[in-house]
């Protein structure tokens, strides 16, 4: 795909209009723009458009390329700007460079974030973390570990996912918690944060420096199944590597991983039990040599080109907890608080109820120890009582 130079407002409007028309067949729209020299020319030379489209596409698309389509796009962009968003035409500064290398990039992207698109998509390596909506405890734990490991790398990546339930939202949350930038590629209009239960995460992404919401669907587009399939190519195309955490044989995560491989990008998959349906997709890609198996996280970081990662948190965390509480508690309380701390460290996002079941202790006993660890700065606890180990050492008294 050759770069279309510049993007004055008229050209941006034309690309926006063409993106609405050719959204599901961007290659036809891109070929048309390249043939006529610009998107603006497409709306000014109907005779050339008809010839360029050819017999197969002429009757379908030529009637849609009208002055009213151009005017509607202009109004749409003005409303978008008022609502804090923008539209990136292909070739415009800030449009993801890796996406332009694909054979079917969208003619444009709707974008919402407090940082300029150039600051988000240029300079940082982009890594997709995708997978099933039916995330298991194993998958959630490893998704958190993988993102946390990337946050300790010498080169910090941009984490890209799709804001869906399961792996997607877990990856976004883990990135935000770890201080990594993250981009959500949506299957709806930029004005519809779907699903509604992830609305708070979407709003956090849109309001965090270095993060953004992105979609190629016009405002007002609702969530329908086919939109998610089209969205997956953008996730794969934006990123230099894709990590599949858990997936059945068929699913959006599998499609994203296979698309990434078809674009010549690196693919990694988390292996799982052979009898677990949500690991069968990952295991299949590993067997087919489409994906490389994830094992040692330090090795994964190196293969992603992120330099060396500081993987010493596990050992440091235990030592810090032990040293801090050794002379502050009775022997029994000391042993118990260390056990709770290590359980939280090993199982990121574990709830207080899950800790009770795991340790076989009463709720009041576990809750007291969790509160102690939280007050002393070793763990954080959210409103749903999910616990995460902190990397920051508590301040000395």
Protein backbone atom coordinates (compact mmCIF):
# COMPACT_ATOMS: atom_id res chain seq x y z
CA UNK A 1 0.00 0.00 0.00
CA UNK A 2 1.54 3.29 -1.07
CA UNK A 3 1.20 6.25 1.22
CA UNK A 4 -1.28 8.94 0.21
CA UNK A 5 0.52 12.16 0.98
CA UNK A 6 -1.03 14.83 3.15
CA UNK A 7 -4.50 15.05 4.63
CA UNK A 8 -6.13 18.47 4.29
CA UNK A 9 -9.68 18.62 5.58
CA UNK A 10 -11.28 17.98 2.18
CA UNK A 11 -9.15 14.85 1.67
CA UNK A 12 -9.88 13.70 5.22
CA UNK A 13 -13.62 14.10 4.61
CA UNK A 14 -13.37 12.16 1.36
CA UNK A 15 -11.48 9.32 3.04
CA UNK A 16 -14.05 9.25 5.83
CA UNK A 17 -16.87 8.99 3.30
CA UNK A 18 -15.09 6.24 1.36
CA UNK A 19 -14.37 4.37 4.58
CA UNK A 20 -18.11 4.20 5.22
CA UNK A 21 -18.74 2.94 1.69
CA UNK A 22 -15.89 0.44 1.36
CA UNK A 23 -15.55 -0.60 5.01
CA UNK A 24 -15.94 -4.31 4.30
CA UNK A 25 -13.95 -4.21 1.05
CA UNK A 26 -11.19 -1.67 1.72
CA UNK A 27 -8.98 -3.02 -1.06
CA UNK A 28 -11.48 -1.82 -3.67
CA UNK A 29 -11.62 1.63 -2.11
CA UNK A 30 -7.84 1.86 -1.81
CA UNK A 31 -7.37 0.81 -5.44
CA UNK A 32 -9.87 3.45 -6.50
CA UNK A 33 -8.05 6.19 -4.56
CA UNK A 34 -4.68 5.15 -5.97
CA UNK A 35 -6.04 5.04 -9.53
CA UNK A 36 -7.54 8.54 -9.35
CA UNK A 37 -4.70 9.99 -7.27
CA UNK A 38 -6.66 11.12 -4.21
CA UNK A 39 -9.82 10.44 -2.26
CA UNK A 40 -11.13 13.89 -3.16
CA UNK A 41 -10.86 13.09 -6.87
CA UNK A 42 -13.15 10.09 -6.38
CA UNK A 43 -16.02 12.47 -5.62
CA UNK A 44 -15.20 14.84 -8.49
CA UNK A 45 -14.74 12.45 -11.41
CA UNK A 46 -17.73 10.05 -11.59
CA UNK A 47 -16.86 8.89 -15.10
CA UNK A 48 -13.36 7.86 -14.06
CA UNK A 49 -14.78 6.18 -10.96
CA UNK A 50 -17.13 4.02 -13.03
CA UNK A 51 -14.28 2.94 -15.31
CA UNK A 52 -11.91 2.29 -12.41
CA UNK A 53 -14.45 0.19 -10.49
CA UNK A 54 -14.96 -2.20 -13.35
CA UNK A 55 -18.05 -4.19 -14.25
CA UNK A 56 -18.25 -6.26 -11.06
CA UNK A 57 -18.16 -3.37 -8.57
CA UNK A 58 -19.64 -0.53 -10.65
CA UNK A 59 -23.32 -1.18 -10.03
CA UNK A 60 -22.75 -1.87 -6.36
CA UNK A 61 -20.58 1.07 -5.36
CA UNK A 62 -20.88 3.87 -7.95
CA UNK A 63 -24.39 4.93 -6.78
CA UNK A 64 -23.04 5.36 -3.23
CA UNK A 65 -20.25 7.79 -4.17
CA UNK A 66 -22.30 10.98 -4.11
CA UNK A 67 -22.09 14.57 -2.97
CA UNK A 68 -24.50 13.80 -0.14
CA UNK A 69 -22.15 11.05 1.12
CA UNK A 70 -19.33 13.60 1.18
CA UNK A 71 -21.48 16.17 3.01
CA UNK A 72 -22.60 13.59 5.59
CA UNK A 73 -18.97 12.71 6.27
CA UNK A 74 -18.10 16.40 6.76
CA UNK A 75 -20.89 16.78 9.33
CA UNK A 76 -19.79 13.56 11.03
CA UNK A 77 -16.21 14.77 11.41
CA UNK A 78 -17.32 18.11 12.85
CA UNK A 79 -19.44 16.29 15.45
CA UNK A 80 -16.58 13.90 16.15
CA UNK A 81 -14.17 16.75 16.85
CA UNK A 82 -16.67 18.39 19.20
CA UNK A 83 -16.93 15.13 21.15
CA UNK A 84 -13.16 14.88 21.59
CA UNK A 85 -12.44 12.43 18.79
CA UNK A 86 -10.74 12.61 15.43
CA UNK A 87 -10.47 10.70 12.15
CA UNK A 88 -7.12 9.50 10.81
CA UNK A 89 -7.11 9.03 7.05
CA UNK A 90 -4.69 6.44 5.69
CA UNK A 91 -1.33 8.08 5.08
CA UNK A 92 -2.02 10.84 7.60
CA UNK A 93 0.45 11.47 10.40
CA UNK A 94 -0.43 9.22 13.32
CA UNK A 95 -2.04 6.47 11.22
CA UNK A 96 -0.36 3.23 12.42
CA UNK A 97 2.59 2.50 10.14
CA UNK A 98 2.44 -1.28 10.51
CA UNK A 99 -1.24 -1.28 9.55
CA UNK A 100 -0.37 0.38 6.25
CA UNK A 101 1.90 -2.57 5.42
CA UNK A 102 -1.11 -4.94 5.36
CA UNK A 103 -2.96 -5.77 2.17
CA UNK A 104 -6.33 -4.62 3.51
CA UNK A 105 -5.87 -1.59 5.82
CA UNK A 106 -8.93 0.55 6.50
CA UNK A 107 -9.17 3.86 4.65
CA UNK A 108 -9.28 5.54 8.02
CA UNK A 109 -9.60 5.12 11.77
CA UNK A 110 -11.72 6.93 14.32
CA UNK A 111 -9.60 7.84 17.32
CA UNK A 112 -10.27 9.05 20.86
CA UNK A 113 -7.61 9.80 23.47
CA UNK A 114 -5.96 12.69 25.27
CA UNK A 115 -2.61 12.05 23.58
CA UNK A 116 -2.04 12.85 19.88
CA UNK A 117 -2.17 9.72 17.67
CA UNK A 118 1.47 10.17 16.73
CA UNK A 119 2.50 9.94 20.39
CA UNK A 120 0.55 6.70 20.80
CA UNK A 121 1.47 4.80 17.64
CA UNK A 122 4.99 6.00 16.94
CA UNK A 123 8.05 5.14 19.00
CA UNK A 124 6.71 2.19 21.03
CA UNK A 125 6.54 -1.44 19.88
CA UNK A 126 2.94 -2.65 19.76
CA UNK A 127 2.00 -6.06 21.15
CA UNK A 128 -1.50 -7.55 20.92
CA UNK A 129 -2.83 -9.66 23.80
CA UNK A 130 -6.00 -11.51 22.77
CA UNK A 131 -8.06 -14.59 23.54
CA UNK A 132 -11.34 -16.03 24.72
CA UNK A 133 -14.17 -14.29 26.51
CA UNK A 134 -14.52 -17.42 28.67
CA UNK A 135 -11.23 -16.82 30.47
CA UNK A 136 -10.24 -19.41 33.09
CA UNK A 137 -8.43 -18.69 36.33
CA UNK A 138 -5.25 -20.08 34.72
CA UNK A 139 -5.63 -17.75 31.75
CA UNK A 140 -6.35 -14.71 33.89
CA UNK A 141 -3.32 -15.38 36.06
CA UNK A 142 -0.99 -15.81 33.08
CA UNK A 143 -2.43 -12.85 31.21
CA UNK A 144 -1.54 -10.70 34.21
CA UNK A 145 1.91 -12.24 34.47
CA UNK A 146 2.67 -11.68 30.80
CA UNK A 147 1.66 -8.02 30.87
CA UNK A 148 3.46 -7.48 34.18
CA UNK A 149 6.62 -9.00 32.68
CA UNK A 150 6.38 -6.61 29.71
CA UNK A 151 6.04 -3.71 32.13
CA UNK A 152 9.45 -4.66 33.58
CA UNK A 153 11.13 -4.83 30.19
CA UNK A 154 13.84 -2.37 29.21
CA UNK A 155 11.63 -1.22 26.31
CA UNK A 156 8.00 -0.67 27.35
CA UNK A 157 5.45 -1.79 24.73
CA UNK A 158 1.99 -0.55 23.83
CA UNK A 159 -0.57 -3.25 24.72
CA UNK A 160 -3.33 -3.63 22.11
CA UNK A 161 -6.56 -5.57 22.58
CA UNK A 162 -10.27 -5.39 21.82
CA UNK A 163 -12.09 -4.29 25.01
CA UNK A 164 -14.16 -7.50 24.99
CA UNK A 165 -14.84 -9.61 28.06
CA UNK A 166 -12.24 -12.14 29.17
CA UNK A 167 -8.68 -11.84 27.92
CA UNK A 168 -9.17 -8.41 26.29
CA UNK A 169 -10.31 -6.48 29.33
CA UNK A 170 -7.90 -8.39 31.57
CA UNK A 171 -5.01 -7.29 29.35
CA UNK A 172 -6.21 -3.66 29.32
CA UNK A 173 -6.59 -3.59 33.11
CA UNK A 174 -3.21 -5.24 33.66
CA UNK A 175 -1.57 -2.68 31.38
CA UNK A 176 -3.19 0.26 33.16
CA UNK A 177 -2.26 -1.20 36.56
CA UNK A 178 1.34 -1.69 35.44
CA UNK A 179 1.67 1.77 33.94
CA UNK A 180 1.82 0.54 30.33
CA UNK A 181 -0.05 2.37 27.54
CA UNK A 182 -2.90 0.42 26.00
CA UNK A 183 -5.14 0.79 22.93
CA UNK A 184 -8.61 -0.72 22.60
CA UNK A 185 -9.63 -1.53 19.02
CA UNK A 186 -13.41 -1.51 19.07
CA UNK A 187 -16.00 -3.35 16.98
CA UNK A 188 -18.49 -0.51 17.40
CA UNK A 189 -18.58 3.21 16.79
CA UNK A 190 -16.22 5.33 18.86
CA UNK A 191 -19.27 6.56 20.81
CA UNK A 192 -20.37 3.09 21.99
CA UNK A 193 -18.24 1.43 24.67
CA UNK A 194 -19.24 -2.22 24.35
CA UNK A 195 -19.87 -4.27 26.40
CA UNK A 196 -21.38 -1.89 28.94
CA UNK A 197 -19.69 -3.64 31.86
CA UNK A 198 -16.32 -2.59 30.40
CA UNK A 199 -17.37 1.03 29.99
CA UNK A 200 -15.27 2.17 32.96
CA UNK A 201 -12.17 0.54 31.47
CA UNK A 202 -12.85 2.18 28.11
CA UNK A 203 -13.25 5.57 29.76
CA UNK A 204 -10.00 5.05 31.69
CA UNK A 205 -8.20 4.23 28.44
CA UNK A 206 -9.57 7.32 26.69
CA UNK A 207 -8.48 9.57 29.58
CA UNK A 208 -5.00 8.12 30.20
CA UNK A 209 -1.92 9.61 28.48
CA UNK A 210 -0.48 7.31 25.83
CA UNK A 211 -3.70 5.30 25.55
CA UNK A 212 -6.56 5.48 23.05
CA UNK A 213 -9.78 4.02 21.69
CA UNK A 214 -9.69 3.13 17.97
CA UNK A 215 -12.21 1.80 15.46
CA UNK A 216 -12.86 1.88 11.73
CA UNK A 217 -16.64 1.90 12.29
CA UNK A 218 -18.54 5.20 12.06
CA UNK A 219 -20.21 6.67 15.15
CA UNK A 220 -23.54 5.04 15.85
CA UNK A 221 -22.42 1.57 14.74
CA UNK A 222 -23.80 -1.09 17.09
CA UNK A 223 -22.13 -4.35 18.09
CA UNK A 224 -22.96 -7.17 15.66
CA UNK A 225 -21.02 -10.39 15.13
CA UNK A 226 -19.53 -9.59 11.73
CA UNK A 227 -18.05 -6.35 13.08
CA UNK A 228 -15.84 -8.25 15.51
CA UNK A 229 -14.37 -10.36 12.71
CA UNK A 230 -13.51 -7.25 10.68
CA UNK A 231 -12.07 -5.56 13.79
CA UNK A 232 -9.61 -8.42 14.41
CA UNK A 233 -7.54 -7.60 11.32
CA UNK A 234 -6.82 -4.15 12.75
CA UNK A 235 -5.55 -5.59 16.04
CA UNK A 236 -3.30 -7.98 14.12
CA UNK A 237 -2.19 -5.32 11.65
CA UNK A 238 -1.27 -2.66 14.19
CA UNK A 239 1.07 -4.95 16.13
CA UNK A 240 4.49 -6.42 15.52
CA UNK A 241 3.53 -9.46 17.65
CA UNK A 242 0.34 -11.13 18.88
CA UNK A 243 0.02 -13.14 22.09
CA UNK A 244 -2.87 -15.62 22.31
CA UNK A 245 -3.62 -16.36 25.97
CA UNK A 246 -6.53 -18.82 25.73
CA UNK A 247 -8.82 -19.76 22.86
CA UNK A 248 -11.06 -22.52 21.61
CA UNK A 249 -10.41 -23.99 18.16
CA UNK A 250 -12.72 -21.37 16.68
CA UNK A 251 -12.88 -17.86 18.04
CA UNK A 252 -11.92 -14.26 17.54
CA UNK A 253 -8.56 -14.72 19.23
CA UNK A 254 -7.68 -17.55 16.85
CA UNK A 255 -8.66 -15.42 13.88
CA UNK A 256 -6.50 -12.54 15.13
CA UNK A 257 -3.53 -14.86 15.64
CA UNK A 258 -3.87 -16.39 12.16
CA UNK A 259 -4.25 -12.95 10.58
CA UNK A 260 -1.11 -11.80 12.38
CA UNK A 261 0.76 -14.80 10.99
CA UNK A 262 -0.54 -14.05 7.48
CA UNK A 263 0.81 -10.50 7.83
CA UNK A 264 4.23 -11.91 8.65
CA UNK A 265 4.06 -10.94 12.33
CA UNK A 266 5.27 -13.01 15.29
CA UNK A 267 2.66 -15.06 17.14
CA UNK A 268 2.97 -16.55 20.64
CA UNK A 269 0.51 -18.81 22.44
CA UNK A 270 0.08 -19.92 26.04
CA UNK A 271 -0.03 -23.74 26.18
CA UNK A 272 -2.70 -25.42 28.29
CA UNK A 273 -4.18 -28.80 29.20
CA UNK A 274 -4.98 -30.96 26.19
CA UNK A 275 -8.49 -31.63 27.55
CA UNK A 276 -9.32 -27.97 28.20
CA UNK A 277 -11.47 -26.51 25.38
CA UNK A 278 -10.17 -22.96 25.92
CA UNK A 279 -6.58 -24.14 25.46
CA UNK A 280 -7.18 -26.22 22.33
CA UNK A 281 -6.75 -23.25 20.00
CA UNK A 282 -3.42 -22.27 21.53
CA UNK A 283 -2.20 -25.86 21.51
CA UNK A 284 -3.22 -26.23 17.85
CA UNK A 285 -1.30 -23.13 16.75
CA UNK A 286 1.76 -24.38 18.61
CA UNK A 287 1.50 -27.82 16.94
CA UNK A 288 1.12 -26.20 13.52
CA UNK A 289 4.16 -23.98 14.17
CA UNK A 290 1.97 -20.92 13.60
CA UNK A 291 2.69 -19.78 17.16
CA UNK A 292 5.66 -20.15 19.42
CA UNK A 293 4.97 -21.62 22.84
CA UNK A 294 5.18 -19.26 25.81
CA UNK A 295 7.29 -20.67 28.62
CA UNK A 296 9.92 -18.57 30.31
CA UNK A 297 8.72 -14.97 30.50
CA UNK A 298 12.21 -13.51 30.38
CA UNK A 299 12.79 -15.39 27.13
CA UNK A 300 9.46 -14.10 25.76
CA UNK A 301 10.45 -10.51 26.52
CA UNK A 302 13.74 -10.99 24.69
CA UNK A 303 12.02 -12.53 21.64
CA UNK A 304 9.58 -9.62 21.53
CA UNK A 305 12.59 -7.34 21.14
CA UNK A 306 11.90 -5.55 24.41
CA UNK A 307 15.36 -6.06 25.85
CA UNK A 308 16.02 -7.62 29.23
CA UNK A 309 13.25 -7.74 31.82
CA UNK A 310 13.72 -7.43 35.56
CA UNK A 311 12.10 -10.66 36.71
CA UNK A 312 13.27 -10.36 40.31
CA UNK A 313 9.97 -9.20 41.81
CA UNK A 314 8.94 -12.65 43.00
CA UNK A 315 12.05 -13.16 45.12
CA UNK A 316 12.22 -9.52 46.25
CA UNK A 317 8.54 -9.52 47.21
CA UNK A 318 8.82 -12.54 49.49
CA UNK A 319 11.98 -11.20 51.12
CA UNK A 320 10.41 -7.80 51.73
CA UNK A 321 7.29 -9.30 53.30
CA UNK A 322 9.31 -11.61 55.53
CA UNK A 323 11.73 -8.91 56.68
CA UNK A 324 8.97 -6.37 57.27
CA UNK A 325 6.77 -8.60 59.46
CA UNK A 326 9.39 -10.80 61.15
CA UNK A 327 9.61 -8.73 64.32
CA UNK A 328 6.18 -7.11 64.10
CA UNK A 329 3.97 -10.18 64.64
CA UNK A 330 3.63 -13.38 66.58
CA UNK A 331 5.08 -16.44 64.86
CA UNK A 332 1.66 -17.73 63.82
CA UNK A 333 0.48 -14.39 62.40
CA UNK A 334 3.82 -13.93 60.67
CA UNK A 335 3.56 -17.28 58.89
CA UNK A 336 -0.04 -16.61 57.92
CA UNK A 337 0.54 -13.11 56.53
CA UNK A 338 3.43 -14.42 54.43
CA UNK A 339 1.19 -17.20 53.06
CA UNK A 340 -1.50 -14.70 52.10
CA UNK A 341 1.04 -12.38 50.46
CA UNK A 342 2.56 -15.19 48.39
CA UNK A 343 -0.89 -16.46 47.37
CA UNK A 344 -1.79 -12.99 46.11
CA UNK A 345 1.55 -12.71 44.28
CA UNK A 346 1.07 -16.09 42.61
CA UNK A 347 -2.57 -15.43 41.64
CA UNK A 348 -2.98 -11.87 40.42
CA UNK A 349 -6.56 -10.65 40.86
CA UNK A 350 -7.53 -13.35 43.35
CA UNK A 351 -10.52 -12.37 45.49
CA UNK A 352 -10.74 -12.57 49.27
CA UNK A 353 -13.32 -15.36 48.90
CA UNK A 354 -10.96 -17.30 46.64
CA UNK A 355 -8.15 -16.84 49.16
CA UNK A 356 -10.41 -18.29 51.86
CA UNK A 357 -11.11 -21.35 49.72
CA UNK A 358 -7.47 -21.77 48.74
CA UNK A 359 -6.06 -21.40 52.25
CA UNK A 360 -9.06 -23.05 53.99
CA UNK A 361 -9.30 -20.22 56.51
CA UNK A 362 -12.27 -18.20 57.73
CA UNK A 363 -13.27 -15.02 55.95
CA UNK A 364 -12.61 -12.85 58.99
CA UNK A 365 -9.08 -14.24 59.39
CA UNK A 366 -8.16 -13.78 55.71
CA UNK A 367 -9.80 -10.36 55.54
CA UNK A 368 -7.77 -9.15 58.53
CA UNK A 369 -4.49 -10.28 56.95
CA UNK A 370 -5.43 -8.79 53.57
CA UNK A 371 -6.20 -5.46 55.24
CA UNK A 372 -2.83 -5.56 57.01
CA UNK A 373 -0.96 -6.19 53.75
CA UNK A 374 -2.93 -3.48 51.97
CA UNK A 375 -2.32 -0.88 54.69
CA UNK A 376 1.39 -1.69 54.66
CA UNK A 377 1.61 -1.25 50.89
CA UNK A 378 2.34 -4.83 49.82
CA UNK A 379 -0.92 -5.46 47.96
CA UNK A 380 -3.77 -3.46 46.43
CA UNK A 381 -7.44 -4.40 46.78
CA UNK A 382 -10.15 -3.11 44.44
CA UNK A 383 -13.83 -2.51 45.17
CA UNK A 384 -14.66 -6.14 44.29
CA UNK A 385 -11.99 -7.32 46.75
CA UNK A 386 -9.62 -8.58 44.06
CA UNK A 387 -6.04 -8.50 45.29
CA UNK A 388 -2.80 -7.75 43.42
CA UNK A 389 0.79 -7.61 44.65
CA UNK A 390 2.45 -4.23 44.42
CA UNK A 391 5.94 -3.73 43.08
CA UNK A 392 6.59 -0.70 45.23
CA UNK A 393 8.22 -1.33 48.58
CA UNK A 394 6.42 0.07 51.62
CA UNK A 395 7.89 3.22 53.05
CA UNK A 396 10.03 2.64 56.13
CA UNK A 397 8.68 3.85 59.45
